[in-house]
Structure formats: structure tokens, C-alpha cells
Amino acid sequence: MASFRNHILVPIDFSEQSLIALGQSYNLARLTKADITLINIIEDSFHLPFFQKKEDKTLEKKISKELEKLAHETTEKVGVRVFTMISHGKVYEEIQKAAKKLKCSFIIMGTNGSVGLKKFIGSNALRVIRESPCPVITIKGKKHRPGCKNIVVPLDLSKETKEKVHNAMEFAQLFGSVIHLVTVLNTDDEFIVNKLKRQMQQVFNHIQGESVPCTMEFLHGDDVAEEVISYSKKIKADLVMIMTQDESTWSDLMFISNSAQDIINGTEIPVISIKPKEKKDLTLSAFEY
């Protein structure tokens, strides 16, 4: 598991959802032998023009005390090292800066989808996912099973599919998971359908050849996100793995496709969003499609 570095960043605003996200970081930290850093961002827009420096320091001191308490409790409970950070600025920018500085392997953050309840959700979460230097796991919903038994991996015809499969296999080997490959057939074009079916079979054979448990399923429907979410609920998935680049674009700019956003916002199952590497860095060549 050399590709995993040893730091996990967890944004904390002391809301219930951010604390649930922290709880979901425990197993991953243990299995990857990672440290956890809790980060709280004091947004510049929070301060009023007449806000005094003394009051500013008092607020930061209070937050620091609460973070240290939470870090100590987490270390005692989980047995991993936990550090704290306080930053000032825009939430998504400060999270990205911290992730780069710490060379994080993952960001794990709570979100309620597109409903803006507190700091680390809504547009902030989407911008973190889009621009993060490492995979981002978004935690929506209140109840999650311990561990990661079932991983859903939607497949398409993009070259980034290779990288997604590689990451899924690493997770499956780490957690002892079953990978569930799904392809949504939303076209009658025989050429595209046959190509998708060939790819699915090749990926399935590759994963099984590495002794990783795997299933494959073809779904039919016009709404890709809806079909993936429905299937994920049906098999009681613990994680859905997506890429943050729209496969239909020729641009080098990274952004989140509509289907990916709909999956993140539409399911309470944790979603891991992975930013594709530069094309020249894609090295998984055990199968071609």
C-alpha cells in the first residue's frame, strides 16, 4: 500500500455531521497507519468591521481548546495520533492549503449535500472535491456501518476508469471489501453498448485475477446518478467511488460532472471523489479498452 501517504485531514466545525465524519476516519487511519489532523477555519466574512482583535484572539483560543480536547479524546479512543490546526480565510482554500502542506492522503468531511447548513457543506464541499490534491470522502447521513464491505464502482468509457479501478482495488484489499462494478446503459447504440460490455468483462476479469472479490451489473435507465444510487442502496454499499472529471470534455480543467454531483448530493452512502492524475502518469495497463 505504498501509494497511501500517512495523513488524513478532517474539517471540524463542531456540527454533528463533521463529528460523524471524524468517526468515519478512524478505521482508515488505523489501516493506513495515518495521523489525523483536525482543522477549523475561521472565515474572514465572519468578522464584523468593529470586531476587536482581543475578541478575535478569544474566539481562536476557545476553538483551539475545543479542538485539543477533541483530539485528545480521539487519540484515547482510537489509538492514533491526532493533531489540530486553526486557519483564517475561505473554507475551501484553507482546506486545500492544509492538504497540500501536510501531503495528505485523504480529506474526510461531513456534508449535507447542496443544503447550506454550516461551514463545511454545500458549495464549499464541491469546491474542495473539485480542487483537492488528494481523494475526498464526503460523509452524508447520520448512520454508517463500521468498515467497508461493499464498494460500488460505476464504469464508463473514459480513460480515467483505469485509475478508478486501481484505487478501488487498493481499498478493497485494505478493508477486505467486495467491488461491485456497475455500468448504466442509457443508449441503444449497439456499438457503444458492446464496447461497454467488453470493458466491463475485461475489468471484472482483471480484478478477479488479483484475487479481489468482484461482481458486475448492467443497469438500464436515463438517469445515471439515480440508477447508481438505487443500486448502491440495494446492495447496502458502504462506499461509492467516482472521478471528478466529466468524461465528455476535451478540456484539461478539472470539474465535477452533473452525474457525480447528483450522486454526492443524492445519497447518504459515503462517496470518495478522486481527481484524475495527469494522463502521462496513468500507468495501470493490465487491461485495455
Protein backbone atom coordinates (compact mmCIF):
# COMPACT_ATOMS: atom_id res chain seq x y z
CA MET A 1 0.00 0.00 0.00
CA ALA A 2 2.89 2.35 -0.76
CA SER A 3 0.59 4.75 -2.62
CA PHE A 4 -1.11 5.76 0.63
CA ARG A 5 0.65 8.57 2.43
CA ASN A 6 0.24 8.99 6.15
CA HIS A 7 -2.05 11.90 6.89
CA ILE A 8 -5.84 12.36 6.92
CA LEU A 9 -7.38 15.84 7.13
CA VAL A 10 -10.78 16.20 8.81
CA PRO A 11 -12.50 19.63 8.72
CA ILE A 12 -14.27 20.23 12.04
CA ASP A 13 -16.85 22.94 12.76
CA PHE A 14 -18.24 21.01 15.78
CA SER A 15 -21.50 20.29 13.96
CA GLU A 16 -22.93 16.78 14.28
CA GLN A 17 -22.07 15.98 10.66
CA SER A 18 -18.41 16.97 11.00
CA LEU A 19 -18.10 14.78 14.09
CA ILE A 20 -19.71 11.87 12.23
CA ALA A 21 -17.08 12.37 9.50
CA LEU A 22 -14.36 12.21 12.17
CA GLY A 23 -15.78 8.89 13.35
CA GLN A 24 -15.59 7.55 9.82
CA SER A 25 -11.88 8.40 9.64
CA TYR A 26 -10.91 6.01 12.45
CA ASN A 27 -10.69 2.73 10.52
CA LEU A 28 -8.93 4.31 7.56
CA ALA A 29 -6.37 5.92 9.86
CA ARG A 30 -5.68 2.62 11.60
CA LEU A 31 -5.39 0.58 8.42
CA THR A 32 -3.14 3.07 6.61
CA LYS A 33 -1.16 3.88 9.78
CA ALA A 34 -2.09 7.53 9.26
CA ASP A 35 -2.19 10.51 11.58
CA ILE A 36 -5.35 12.62 11.72
CA THR A 37 -5.35 16.41 11.65
CA LEU A 38 -8.46 18.31 12.71
CA ILE A 39 -8.80 21.69 11.00
CA ASN A 40 -11.16 24.52 11.87
CA ILE A 41 -11.40 27.54 9.58
CA ILE A 42 -12.46 30.93 10.92
CA GLU A 43 -13.93 32.62 7.88
CA ASP A 44 -12.92 36.22 7.21
CA SER A 45 -16.53 37.07 6.41
CA PHE A 46 -17.45 36.07 9.96
CA HIS A 47 -15.82 39.20 11.40
CA LEU A 48 -17.69 42.48 11.64
CA PRO A 49 -15.82 45.76 10.92
CA PHE A 50 -15.81 46.64 14.61
CA PHE A 51 -14.72 43.16 15.76
CA GLN A 52 -11.82 43.74 18.15
CA LYS A 53 -8.51 41.89 17.94
CA LYS A 54 -8.89 40.90 21.57
CA GLU A 55 -12.24 39.26 20.83
CA ASP A 56 -10.70 37.61 17.77
CA LYS A 57 -7.96 36.06 19.92
CA THR A 58 -10.52 34.98 22.50
CA LEU A 59 -12.53 33.15 19.84
CA GLU A 60 -9.45 31.45 18.43
CA LYS A 61 -8.32 30.42 21.91
CA LYS A 62 -11.74 28.93 22.63
CA ILE A 63 -11.76 26.98 19.35
CA SER A 64 -8.20 25.79 19.97
CA LYS A 65 -9.16 24.49 23.40
CA GLU A 66 -12.14 22.59 21.99
CA LEU A 67 -10.06 21.12 19.15
CA GLU A 68 -7.35 19.98 21.55
CA LYS A 69 -9.97 18.34 23.75
CA LEU A 70 -11.47 16.53 20.77
CA ALA A 71 -8.00 15.47 19.56
CA HIS A 72 -7.13 14.06 22.99
CA GLU A 73 -10.42 12.16 23.22
CA THR A 74 -9.91 10.73 19.73
CA THR A 75 -6.37 9.58 20.50
CA GLU A 76 -7.55 7.91 23.70
CA LYS A 77 -10.46 6.23 21.92
CA VAL A 78 -8.80 5.18 18.67
CA GLY A 79 -5.10 4.93 19.42
CA VAL A 80 -3.91 7.14 16.54
CA ARG A 81 -2.05 10.43 16.69
CA VAL A 82 -4.31 13.44 16.26
CA PHE A 83 -3.14 17.00 15.55
CA THR A 84 -5.04 20.28 15.29
CA MET A 85 -4.96 23.35 13.03
CA ILE A 86 -6.80 26.67 13.02
CA SER A 87 -6.79 28.75 9.88
CA HIS A 88 -8.31 32.06 8.74
CA GLY A 89 -9.79 32.59 5.30
CA LYS A 90 -12.11 30.91 2.83
CA VAL A 91 -13.04 27.39 3.87
CA TYR A 92 -12.24 25.56 0.63
CA GLU A 93 -8.98 27.45 0.09
CA GLU A 94 -7.68 26.78 3.59
CA ILE A 95 -8.57 23.08 3.38
CA GLN A 96 -6.68 22.78 0.10
CA LYS A 97 -3.66 24.63 1.50
CA ALA A 98 -3.57 22.38 4.57
CA ALA A 99 -3.93 19.22 2.46
CA LYS A 100 -1.02 20.28 0.26
CA LYS A 101 1.16 21.34 3.19
CA LEU A 102 0.60 18.08 5.06
CA LYS A 103 0.76 16.00 1.85
CA CYS A 104 -2.50 14.37 2.89
CA SER A 105 -3.64 11.04 1.55
CA PHE A 106 -7.33 11.85 2.19
CA ILE A 107 -9.74 14.56 3.22
CA ILE A 108 -12.80 13.26 5.07
CA MET A 109 -15.57 15.81 5.51
CA GLY A 110 -19.19 15.91 6.54
CA THR A 111 -21.75 17.31 4.11
CA ASN A 112 -25.49 17.65 3.79
CA GLY A 113 -25.29 17.88 0.01
CA SER A 114 -26.38 21.17 -1.53
CA VAL A 115 -28.22 22.36 1.58
CA GLY A 116 -26.13 25.07 3.20
CA LEU A 117 -26.45 24.38 6.90
CA LYS A 118 -22.94 25.08 8.16
CA LYS A 119 -19.42 25.85 7.03
CA PHE A 120 -18.13 22.62 5.51
CA ILE A 121 -21.01 21.71 3.22
CA GLY A 122 -22.71 22.75 0.00
CA SER A 123 -20.59 24.81 -2.38
CA ASN A 124 -17.56 24.58 -0.06
CA ALA A 125 -17.64 20.78 -0.23
CA LEU A 126 -17.97 20.77 -4.01
CA ARG A 127 -15.03 23.17 -4.40
CA VAL A 128 -12.90 21.11 -2.05
CA ILE A 129 -13.72 17.99 -4.08
CA ARG A 130 -13.03 19.71 -7.39
CA GLU A 131 -9.70 21.27 -6.42
CA SER A 132 -8.33 18.92 -3.76
CA PRO A 133 -4.81 17.50 -4.25
CA CYS A 134 -5.96 14.17 -2.77
CA PRO A 135 -9.11 11.99 -2.70
CA VAL A 136 -12.04 13.43 -0.75
CA ILE A 137 -14.51 11.25 1.14
CA THR A 138 -17.80 13.04 1.79
CA ILE A 139 -19.96 11.77 4.64
CA LYS A 140 -23.68 12.47 4.39
CA GLY A 141 -26.28 10.95 6.68
CA LYS A 142 -26.19 10.02 10.34
CA LYS A 143 -25.74 6.24 10.45
CA HIS A 144 -22.96 4.26 8.79
CA ARG A 145 -21.80 0.70 9.30
CA PRO A 146 -18.29 0.15 10.60
CA GLY A 147 -15.77 -0.99 7.99
CA CYS A 148 -16.24 -1.06 4.24
CA LYS A 149 -17.73 -4.33 2.99
CA ASN A 150 -19.15 -3.19 -0.34
CA ILE A 151 -17.68 -0.67 -2.81
CA VAL A 152 -19.67 0.45 -5.85
CA VAL A 153 -17.58 1.47 -8.87
CA PRO A 154 -19.53 2.97 -11.80
CA LEU A 155 -17.76 2.37 -15.13
CA ASP A 156 -17.87 4.40 -18.32
CA LEU A 157 -15.70 4.68 -21.43
CA SER A 158 -13.24 7.23 -20.01
CA LYS A 159 -9.54 6.54 -19.72
CA GLU A 160 -9.78 7.58 -16.06
CA THR A 161 -11.71 4.35 -15.47
CA LYS A 162 -8.34 2.56 -15.20
CA GLU A 163 -7.28 4.77 -12.33
CA LYS A 164 -10.63 4.40 -10.60
CA VAL A 165 -10.37 0.62 -10.74
CA HIS A 166 -6.80 0.74 -9.40
CA ASN A 167 -7.97 2.82 -6.41
CA ALA A 168 -10.95 0.55 -5.81
CA MET A 169 -8.69 -2.49 -5.69
CA GLU A 170 -6.43 -0.80 -3.13
CA PHE A 171 -9.40 -0.01 -0.92
CA ALA A 172 -10.85 -3.50 -1.30
CA GLN A 173 -7.54 -5.11 -0.33
CA LEU A 174 -7.24 -2.73 2.62
CA PHE A 175 -10.73 -3.34 4.01
CA GLY A 176 -11.44 -6.84 2.70
CA SER A 177 -14.24 -5.44 0.53
CA VAL A 178 -16.23 -6.70 -2.44
CA ILE A 179 -16.07 -4.45 -5.52
CA HIS A 180 -19.40 -4.06 -7.33
CA LEU A 181 -18.90 -2.85 -10.91
CA VAL A 182 -21.89 -1.11 -12.49
CA THR A 183 -22.47 0.32 -15.94
CA VAL A 184 -25.59 2.28 -16.81
CA LEU A 185 -26.80 1.51 -20.33
CA ASN A 186 -28.68 4.68 -21.27
CA THR A 187 -28.32 4.31 -25.04
CA ASP A 188 -29.50 1.90 -27.75
CA ASP A 189 -26.36 2.44 -29.82
CA GLU A 190 -25.14 -1.12 -30.40
CA PHE A 191 -21.51 -0.07 -30.85
CA ILE A 192 -21.39 1.79 -27.52
CA VAL A 193 -23.31 -0.93 -25.67
CA ASN A 194 -20.99 -3.67 -26.94
CA LYS A 195 -17.92 -1.60 -26.05
CA LEU A 196 -19.23 -1.04 -22.52
CA LYS A 197 -19.94 -4.75 -22.13
CA ARG A 198 -16.44 -5.69 -23.33
CA GLN A 199 -14.88 -3.19 -20.96
CA MET A 200 -16.95 -4.45 -18.03
CA GLN A 201 -15.87 -8.04 -18.68
CA GLN A 202 -12.20 -7.06 -19.02
CA VAL A 203 -12.23 -5.05 -15.78
CA PHE A 204 -14.08 -7.85 -13.99
CA ASN A 205 -11.52 -10.42 -15.16
CA HIS A 206 -8.63 -8.16 -14.14
CA ILE A 207 -9.96 -7.64 -10.61
CA GLN A 208 -10.72 -11.33 -10.12
CA GLY A 209 -7.24 -12.14 -11.42
CA GLU A 210 -5.87 -10.15 -8.46
CA SER A 211 -7.97 -12.28 -6.08
CA VAL A 212 -10.26 -9.39 -5.15
CA PRO A 213 -13.96 -10.36 -4.80
CA CYS A 214 -15.99 -8.68 -7.53
CA THR A 215 -19.45 -8.58 -9.09
CA MET A 216 -20.72 -6.84 -12.22
CA GLU A 217 -24.14 -5.47 -13.09
CA PHE A 218 -25.64 -3.65 -16.07
CA LEU A 219 -28.29 -1.07 -15.16
CA HIS A 220 -30.84 0.43 -17.54
CA GLY A 221 -32.14 3.97 -17.27
CA ASP A 222 -31.76 7.54 -18.49
CA ASP A 223 -30.52 8.99 -15.18
CA VAL A 224 -27.05 7.64 -14.41
CA ALA A 225 -26.89 9.03 -10.86
CA GLU A 226 -30.35 7.75 -9.98
CA GLU A 227 -29.52 4.24 -11.18
CA VAL A 228 -26.17 4.15 -9.33
CA ILE A 229 -27.75 5.43 -6.10
CA SER A 230 -30.62 2.93 -6.32
CA TYR A 231 -28.23 0.03 -6.91
CA SER A 232 -25.94 1.17 -4.08
CA LYS A 233 -28.86 1.19 -1.65
CA LYS A 234 -29.99 -2.22 -2.88
CA ILE A 235 -26.66 -3.91 -2.11
CA LYS A 236 -26.11 -1.85 1.08
CA ALA A 237 -22.93 -0.26 -0.23
CA ASP A 238 -20.51 1.35 2.20
CA LEU A 239 -18.71 3.48 -0.39
CA VAL A 240 -19.28 4.79 -3.92
CA MET A 241 -16.16 5.69 -5.92
CA ILE A 242 -16.33 8.44 -8.55
CA MET A 243 -13.89 10.57 -10.57
CA THR A 244 -14.14 14.38 -10.53
CA GLN A 245 -13.73 14.94 -14.26
CA ASP A 246 -16.55 14.89 -16.77
CA GLU A 247 -15.60 12.18 -19.24
CA SER A 248 -17.26 14.03 -22.12
CA THR A 249 -14.97 17.06 -22.01
CA TRP A 250 -11.81 17.66 -24.01
CA SER A 251 -10.65 20.30 -21.55
CA ASP A 252 -7.78 19.78 -19.11
CA LEU A 253 -9.71 21.66 -16.42
CA MET A 254 -10.97 19.53 -13.56
CA PHE A 255 -14.60 19.87 -12.53
CA ILE A 256 -17.40 17.72 -11.21
CA SER A 257 -19.83 16.32 -13.75
CA ASN A 258 -23.57 16.61 -13.18
CA SER A 259 -23.85 12.87 -12.54
CA ALA A 260 -21.07 12.98 -9.95
CA GLN A 261 -22.68 15.94 -8.17
CA ASP A 262 -26.05 14.21 -8.20
CA ILE A 263 -24.51 11.10 -6.62
CA ILE A 264 -22.78 13.13 -3.89
CA ASN A 265 -25.93 15.12 -3.13
CA GLY A 266 -28.40 12.28 -3.61
CA THR A 267 -27.08 9.50 -1.38
CA GLU A 268 -26.29 9.12 2.30
CA ILE A 269 -23.70 6.48 1.42
CA PRO A 270 -20.14 7.86 1.75
CA VAL A 271 -18.69 8.91 -1.61
CA ILE A 272 -14.98 9.03 -2.43
CA SER A 273 -14.13 11.52 -5.18
CA ILE A 274 -10.79 11.08 -6.92
CA LYS A 275 -9.16 13.67 -9.14
CA PRO A 276 -7.56 12.00 -12.18
CA LYS A 277 -3.81 12.19 -12.45
CA GLU A 278 -2.12 13.76 -15.44
CA LYS A 279 -2.65 11.49 -18.43
CA LYS A 280 1.07 10.79 -18.72
CA ASP A 281 1.02 9.40 -15.16
CA LEU A 282 -1.63 6.77 -15.81
CA THR A 283 0.27 3.51 -15.52
CA LEU A 284 -2.34 0.81 -14.96
CA SER A 285 -2.02 -1.19 -18.17
CA ALA A 286 -3.01 -4.69 -17.15
CA PHE A 287 -6.15 -4.30 -19.26
CA GLU A 288 -7.01 -2.12 -22.24
CA TYR A 289 -10.33 -0.89 -23.53
